[in-house]
Amino acid sequence: MYAIVEDSGTQIKLAPGAVLDVDIREGAEAGGTITFDRVLAVKGEGEGPATLGAPYVEGATVTAEVVGEVKGEKIDVIKFKRRKNYRRKTGHRQRLLRIRVGEISAAAKKKTTKKKAPAKTESSED
């Protein structure tokens, strides 16, 4: 089973038990839980095709346990202007939140309703 969720403008594939790093959230503490409610697609084990949302799957959520806060890879930021003796080098390490995916709950399947035929209007013949 897996789910594809949208978080901070990125799409993330989550499977139960997976440990991964996501953008940091306010109020998230180690040992706490967070819920992803913007689920784009859900695929269950042994089921047919994945359930796709338009844009989100109604009622589907993914809960995850916060393991802790970590720093990402170091990125070098270099500024350079030729022939001006201008060189600046700085580094950046993004703060990330390490999570362990728990339960993926898919929404109940929608019942299909029959569409009513449009009402026929009588045209007046003059």
Protein backbone atom coordinates (compact mmCIF):
# COMPACT_ATOMS: atom_id res chain seq x y z
CA MET A 1 0.00 0.00 0.00
CA TYR A 2 1.21 3.48 -0.74
CA ALA A 3 -0.06 7.04 -1.03
CA ILE A 4 1.15 10.08 -2.91
CA VAL A 5 0.71 13.29 -0.91
CA GLU A 6 1.39 16.94 -1.56
CA ASP A 7 3.45 18.78 1.03
CA SER A 8 5.12 22.19 0.67
CA GLY A 9 4.65 22.16 -3.10
CA THR A 10 6.26 18.74 -3.57
CA GLN A 11 4.75 15.33 -4.20
CA ILE A 12 5.95 12.57 -1.88
CA LYS A 13 5.34 8.82 -2.14
CA LEU A 14 4.66 7.38 1.33
CA ALA A 15 4.52 3.71 2.31
CA PRO A 16 3.83 2.35 5.82
CA GLY A 17 7.02 2.05 7.88
CA ALA A 18 9.10 4.27 5.57
CA VAL A 19 11.45 6.81 7.17
CA LEU A 20 12.08 9.98 5.21
CA ASP A 21 12.84 13.68 5.53
CA VAL A 22 10.27 16.40 4.74
CA ASP A 23 10.23 20.17 5.11
CA ILE A 24 9.99 21.34 8.69
CA ARG A 25 6.59 22.21 10.18
CA GLU A 26 5.71 24.57 12.97
CA GLY A 27 4.72 22.88 16.22
CA ALA A 28 6.04 19.44 15.27
CA GLU A 29 7.99 17.87 18.15
CA ALA A 30 9.87 14.60 18.42
CA GLY A 31 7.50 11.81 19.40
CA GLY A 32 4.45 13.68 18.11
CA THR A 33 2.35 12.88 15.08
CA ILE A 34 1.51 14.80 11.94
CA THR A 35 -1.28 14.18 9.45
CA PHE A 36 -1.11 14.64 5.70
CA ASP A 37 -4.60 15.33 4.37
CA ARG A 38 -3.74 16.46 0.83
CA VAL A 39 -3.61 12.94 -0.64
CA LEU A 40 -3.36 12.86 -4.44
CA ALA A 41 -3.53 9.07 -4.93
CA VAL A 42 -3.92 5.89 -2.87
CA LYS A 43 -3.07 2.33 -3.94
CA GLY A 44 -3.95 -0.64 -1.74
CA GLU A 45 -2.42 -4.09 -1.68
CA GLY A 46 -4.04 -6.55 -4.06
CA GLU A 47 -6.57 -3.98 -5.27
CA GLY A 48 -7.12 -2.82 -8.80
CA PRO A 49 -5.87 0.54 -10.06
CA ALA A 50 -4.97 3.38 -7.74
CA THR A 51 -7.65 5.78 -6.49
CA LEU A 52 -6.91 9.19 -7.93
CA GLY A 53 -8.23 12.45 -6.55
CA ALA A 54 -9.47 15.51 -8.37
CA PRO A 55 -7.26 17.10 -7.08
CA TYR A 56 -7.34 15.30 -3.69
CA VAL A 57 -8.86 12.00 -2.57
CA GLU A 58 -11.76 12.82 -0.27
CA GLY A 59 -11.36 11.57 3.29
CA ALA A 60 -7.96 9.96 2.74
CA THR A 61 -5.24 10.75 5.30
CA VAL A 62 -1.74 9.60 6.15
CA THR A 63 -0.43 9.78 9.71
CA ALA A 64 3.26 9.84 10.53
CA GLU A 65 5.33 9.89 13.72
CA VAL A 66 7.95 12.60 14.09
CA VAL A 67 11.35 11.02 14.77
CA GLY A 68 13.27 14.28 15.10
CA GLU A 69 14.82 17.25 13.38
CA VAL A 70 17.85 16.84 11.12
CA LYS A 71 19.94 18.97 8.79
CA GLY A 72 20.12 18.26 5.07
CA GLU A 73 23.17 18.11 2.82
CA LYS A 74 25.37 21.18 2.66
CA ILE A 75 24.87 23.34 -0.41
CA ASP A 76 27.58 25.77 -1.53
CA VAL A 77 26.32 29.16 -2.70
CA ILE A 78 28.93 30.86 -4.88
CA LYS A 79 28.71 34.39 -6.27
CA PHE A 80 31.24 35.44 -8.87
CA LYS A 81 31.75 38.40 -11.21
CA ARG A 82 34.52 38.14 -13.74
CA ARG A 83 37.27 40.74 -13.97
CA LYS A 84 36.03 42.51 -10.81
CA ASN A 85 37.82 40.41 -8.18
CA TYR A 86 34.43 39.63 -6.65
CA ARG A 87 34.04 36.15 -5.15
CA ARG A 88 31.76 35.12 -2.28
CA LYS A 89 31.22 31.61 -0.99
CA THR A 90 28.67 30.71 1.64
CA GLY A 91 27.03 27.45 2.65
CA HIS A 92 23.50 26.42 3.55
CA ARG A 93 22.03 23.40 5.33
CA GLN A 94 18.24 23.08 5.23
CA ARG A 95 16.46 22.04 8.41
CA LEU A 96 14.33 18.94 7.79
CA LEU A 97 11.88 16.86 9.79
CA ARG A 98 12.52 13.09 9.87
CA ILE A 99 9.26 11.14 9.96
CA ARG A 100 8.20 7.49 10.11
CA VAL A 101 5.04 6.79 8.13
CA GLY A 102 2.33 5.03 10.10
CA GLU A 103 -1.19 4.41 8.90
CA ILE A 104 -2.62 5.18 5.48
CA SER A 105 -6.40 5.43 5.58
CA ALA A 106 -8.17 5.52 2.24
CA ALA A 107 -11.58 7.09 1.82
CA ALA A 108 -14.70 5.03 1.39
CA LYS A 109 -15.49 4.49 -2.25
CA LYS A 110 -18.05 6.86 -3.65
CA LYS A 111 -21.43 5.52 -4.65
CA THR A 112 -22.27 6.25 -8.22
CA THR A 113 -25.53 8.07 -8.75
CA LYS A 114 -27.55 8.02 -11.88
CA LYS A 115 -27.81 11.29 -13.68
CA LYS A 116 -31.27 12.53 -14.39
CA ALA A 117 -32.18 13.07 -17.99
CA PRO A 118 -32.74 16.72 -18.85
CA ALA A 119 -36.35 17.76 -18.71
CA LYS A 120 -37.96 18.01 -22.11
CA THR A 121 -39.46 21.37 -22.84
CA GLU A 122 -42.41 21.68 -25.11
CA SER A 123 -41.83 24.03 -27.95
CA SER A 124 -44.75 26.17 -28.89
CA GLU A 125 -45.70 26.12 -32.53
CA ASP A 126 -47.21 29.39 -33.70
